[in-house]
Amino acid sequence: MTKITFFMSGGVRWGFEETGHTGYGESGDDVLCAALSAMTMLIVNAIEVTFFGSVDYVIDEKTTDIKVMAKCALPDYEEDERVRFAVGGLIDAYFYQLMDMMEDYPEHLEVDTIEKDPE
């Protein structure tokens, strides 16, 4: 099972962490895992390239754990309200997409949100 934990501060989702393998298919042929990876990299690239926001991410190739931290979604780290709105909205969109996916794959995905101030 893959667990995705979103980080929220001041009512804004600003990052997330993905741990574990979905177990939907064999490693290397797991379409659910591939979908999560593709969506995650879309978010990272959109923040960096499209919105010119700052995003830190770590991908552990051995465990497939991923951590994405986009402090630019928060007012203390980004002055431009448009960037904050776009980045926070993008992360929210991923959260809601995963909530929909959990309905079809409840034994493979777990999604949660925790209060976490950026380090």
C-alpha atoms as a PDB file:
ATOM      1  CA  MET A   1       0.000   0.000   0.000  1.00  0.00           C
ATOM      2  CA  THR A   2       1.140   3.519  -0.764  1.00  0.00           C
ATOM      3  CA  LYS A   3       0.455   6.106   1.909  1.00  0.00           C
ATOM      4  CA  ILE A   4       0.359   9.747   0.836  1.00  0.00           C
ATOM      5  CA  THR A   5       0.482  12.277   3.657  1.00  0.00           C
ATOM      6  CA  PHE A   6      -0.176  15.916   2.788  1.00  0.00           C
ATOM      7  CA  PHE A   7       1.329  18.746   4.825  1.00  0.00           C
ATOM      8  CA  MET A   8      -0.941  21.649   5.739  1.00  0.00           C
ATOM      9  CA  SER A   9      -0.165  24.954   7.430  1.00  0.00           C
ATOM     10  CA  GLY A  10      -2.576  27.846   7.885  1.00  0.00           C
ATOM     11  CA  GLY A  11      -5.241  26.026   5.890  1.00  0.00           C
ATOM     12  CA  VAL A  12      -2.938  25.544   2.880  1.00  0.00           C
ATOM     13  CA  ARG A  13      -1.561  22.233   1.618  1.00  0.00           C
ATOM     14  CA  TRP A  14       2.080  22.923   0.822  1.00  0.00           C
ATOM     15  CA  GLY A  15       3.649  19.492   0.331  1.00  0.00           C
ATOM     16  CA  PHE A  16       3.301  15.756   0.674  1.00  0.00           C
ATOM     17  CA  GLU A  17       5.150  12.523   1.284  1.00  0.00           C
ATOM     18  CA  GLU A  18       4.534   9.205  -0.462  1.00  0.00           C
ATOM     19  CA  THR A  19       5.731   5.960   1.107  1.00  0.00           C
ATOM     20  CA  GLY A  20       5.359   2.331   0.195  1.00  0.00           C
ATOM     21  CA  HIS A  21       4.515   0.413  -2.951  1.00  0.00           C
ATOM     22  CA  THR A  22       0.867   0.205  -4.049  1.00  0.00           C
ATOM     23  CA  GLY A  23       1.043  -3.550  -4.595  1.00  0.00           C
ATOM     24  CA  TYR A  24      -1.450  -3.260  -7.438  1.00  0.00           C
ATOM     25  CA  GLY A  25       0.935  -4.993  -9.843  1.00  0.00           C
ATOM     26  CA  GLU A  26       4.428  -6.389 -10.040  1.00  0.00           C
ATOM     27  CA  SER A  27       7.245  -3.924  -9.475  1.00  0.00           C
ATOM     28  CA  GLY A  28       8.014  -2.309 -12.820  1.00  0.00           C
ATOM     29  CA  ASP A  29       4.557  -3.168 -14.214  1.00  0.00           C
ATOM     30  CA  ASP A  30       2.372  -1.471 -11.601  1.00  0.00           C
ATOM     31  CA  VAL A  31       0.165   1.017 -13.478  1.00  0.00           C
ATOM     32  CA  LEU A  32      -1.152   2.558 -10.254  1.00  0.00           C
ATOM     33  CA  CYS A  33       2.373   3.234  -9.014  1.00  0.00           C
ATOM     34  CA  ALA A  34       3.285   4.648 -12.429  1.00  0.00           C
ATOM     35  CA  ALA A  35       0.265   6.959 -12.312  1.00  0.00           C
ATOM     36  CA  LEU A  36       1.295   8.291  -8.890  1.00  0.00           C
ATOM     37  CA  SER A  37       4.858   8.873 -10.088  1.00  0.00           C
ATOM     38  CA  ALA A  38       3.683  10.676 -13.212  1.00  0.00           C
ATOM     39  CA  MET A  39       1.309  12.933 -11.272  1.00  0.00           C
ATOM     40  CA  THR A  40       3.989  13.721  -8.704  1.00  0.00           C
ATOM     41  CA  MET A  41       6.525  14.734 -11.320  1.00  0.00           C
ATOM     42  CA  LEU A  42       3.876  16.787 -13.138  1.00  0.00           C
ATOM     43  CA  ILE A  43       3.361  18.739  -9.907  1.00  0.00           C
ATOM     44  CA  VAL A  44       7.095  19.262  -9.355  1.00  0.00           C
ATOM     45  CA  ASN A  45       7.656  20.381 -12.950  1.00  0.00           C
ATOM     46  CA  ALA A  46       4.607  22.651 -12.990  1.00  0.00           C
ATOM     47  CA  ILE A  47       5.721  24.395  -9.806  1.00  0.00           C
ATOM     48  CA  GLU A  48       9.277  24.901 -11.077  1.00  0.00           C
ATOM     49  CA  VAL A  49       8.746  25.588 -14.760  1.00  0.00           C
ATOM     50  CA  THR A  50       5.236  26.949 -15.142  1.00  0.00           C
ATOM     51  CA  PHE A  51       4.795  28.893 -11.896  1.00  0.00           C
ATOM     52  CA  PHE A  52       8.491  29.674 -11.239  1.00  0.00           C
ATOM     53  CA  GLY A  53       8.009  28.530  -7.660  1.00  0.00           C
ATOM     54  CA  SER A  54      10.520  26.998  -5.336  1.00  0.00           C
ATOM     55  CA  VAL A  55      10.044  23.309  -4.636  1.00  0.00           C
ATOM     56  CA  ASP A  56      12.276  20.843  -2.841  1.00  0.00           C
ATOM     57  CA  TYR A  57      11.847  17.150  -3.440  1.00  0.00           C
ATOM     58  CA  VAL A  58      13.592  13.936  -2.533  1.00  0.00           C
ATOM     59  CA  ILE A  59      13.127  10.643  -4.339  1.00  0.00           C
ATOM     60  CA  ASP A  60      14.584   7.516  -2.747  1.00  0.00           C
ATOM     61  CA  GLU A  61      15.137   5.159  -5.688  1.00  0.00           C
ATOM     62  CA  LYS A  62      15.534   2.106  -3.431  1.00  0.00           C
ATOM     63  CA  THR A  63      12.361   2.541  -1.383  1.00  0.00           C
ATOM     64  CA  THR A  64      10.416   4.658  -3.920  1.00  0.00           C
ATOM     65  CA  ASP A  65       9.613   7.100  -1.104  1.00  0.00           C
ATOM     66  CA  ILE A  66       9.023  10.650  -2.317  1.00  0.00           C
ATOM     67  CA  LYS A  67       8.822  13.911  -0.386  1.00  0.00           C
ATOM     68  CA  VAL A  68       7.724  17.157  -2.060  1.00  0.00           C
ATOM     69  CA  MET A  69       7.893  20.470  -0.183  1.00  0.00           C
ATOM     70  CA  ALA A  70       6.596  23.603  -1.895  1.00  0.00           C
ATOM     71  CA  LYS A  71       6.886  26.314   0.737  1.00  0.00           C
ATOM     72  CA  CYS A  72       6.041  28.813  -2.002  1.00  0.00           C
ATOM     73  CA  ALA A  73       2.384  27.920  -1.385  1.00  0.00           C
ATOM     74  CA  LEU A  74       2.668  29.754   1.949  1.00  0.00           C
ATOM     75  CA  PRO A  75       2.620  33.533   2.494  1.00  0.00           C
ATOM     76  CA  ASP A  76       5.722  33.513   4.735  1.00  0.00           C
ATOM     77  CA  TYR A  77       7.784  32.069   1.863  1.00  0.00           C
ATOM     78  CA  GLU A  78       6.283  33.613  -1.285  1.00  0.00           C
ATOM     79  CA  GLU A  79       5.240  37.239  -1.818  1.00  0.00           C
ATOM     80  CA  ASP A  80       3.427  36.691  -5.112  1.00  0.00           C
ATOM     81  CA  GLU A  81      -0.155  35.747  -4.290  1.00  0.00           C
ATOM     82  CA  ARG A  82      -0.658  34.270  -7.768  1.00  0.00           C
ATOM     83  CA  VAL A  83       2.196  31.806  -7.248  1.00  0.00           C
ATOM     84  CA  ARG A  84       0.851  30.837  -3.823  1.00  0.00           C
ATOM     85  CA  PHE A  85      -2.641  30.340  -5.226  1.00  0.00           C
ATOM     86  CA  ALA A  86      -1.420  28.288  -8.205  1.00  0.00           C
ATOM     87  CA  VAL A  87       0.916  26.048  -6.202  1.00  0.00           C
ATOM     88  CA  GLY A  88      -1.544  25.490  -3.370  1.00  0.00           C
ATOM     89  CA  GLY A  89      -4.272  24.771  -5.913  1.00  0.00           C
ATOM     90  CA  LEU A  90      -2.112  22.276  -7.740  1.00  0.00           C
ATOM     91  CA  ILE A  91      -1.345  20.385  -4.539  1.00  0.00           C
ATOM     92  CA  ASP A  92      -5.038  20.486  -3.567  1.00  0.00           C
ATOM     93  CA  ALA A  93      -5.943  19.097  -6.996  1.00  0.00           C
ATOM     94  CA  TYR A  94      -3.585  16.151  -6.409  1.00  0.00           C
ATOM     95  CA  PHE A  95      -5.174  15.558  -2.989  1.00  0.00           C
ATOM     96  CA  TYR A  96      -8.690  15.451  -4.466  1.00  0.00           C
ATOM     97  CA  GLN A  97      -7.575  13.265  -7.376  1.00  0.00           C
ATOM     98  CA  LEU A  98      -6.137  10.789  -4.876  1.00  0.00           C
ATOM     99  CA  MET A  99      -9.346  10.862  -2.839  1.00  0.00           C
ATOM    100  CA  ASP A 100     -11.227   9.837  -6.001  1.00  0.00           C
ATOM    101  CA  MET A 101      -8.678   7.124  -6.749  1.00  0.00           C
ATOM    102  CA  MET A 102      -8.997   5.736  -3.215  1.00  0.00           C
ATOM    103  CA  GLU A 103     -12.616   4.855  -3.997  1.00  0.00           C
ATOM    104  CA  ASP A 104     -11.403   2.484  -6.737  1.00  0.00           C
ATOM    105  CA  TYR A 105      -8.233   1.266  -5.004  1.00  0.00           C
ATOM    106  CA  PRO A 106      -8.933   1.332  -1.236  1.00  0.00           C
ATOM    107  CA  GLU A 107      -6.601  -1.582  -0.535  1.00  0.00           C
ATOM    108  CA  HIS A 108      -3.712   0.091  -2.398  1.00  0.00           C
ATOM    109  CA  LEU A 109      -3.876   3.774  -1.367  1.00  0.00           C
ATOM    110  CA  GLU A 110      -4.167   5.673   1.889  1.00  0.00           C
ATOM    111  CA  VAL A 111      -4.371   9.473   1.947  1.00  0.00           C
ATOM    112  CA  ASP A 112      -4.114  11.721   4.971  1.00  0.00           C
ATOM    113  CA  THR A 113      -3.481  15.378   5.797  1.00  0.00           C
ATOM    114  CA  ILE A 114      -1.510  16.545   8.822  1.00  0.00           C
ATOM    115  CA  GLU A 115      -0.725  19.959  10.240  1.00  0.00           C
ATOM    116  CA  LYS A 116       2.970  20.562   9.686  1.00  0.00           C
ATOM    117  CA  ASP A 117       4.869  23.800   9.727  1.00  0.00           C
ATOM    118  CA  PRO A 118       7.713  24.020   7.227  1.00  0.00           C
ATOM    119  CA  GLU A 119      11.172  23.392   8.670  1.00  0.00           C
END
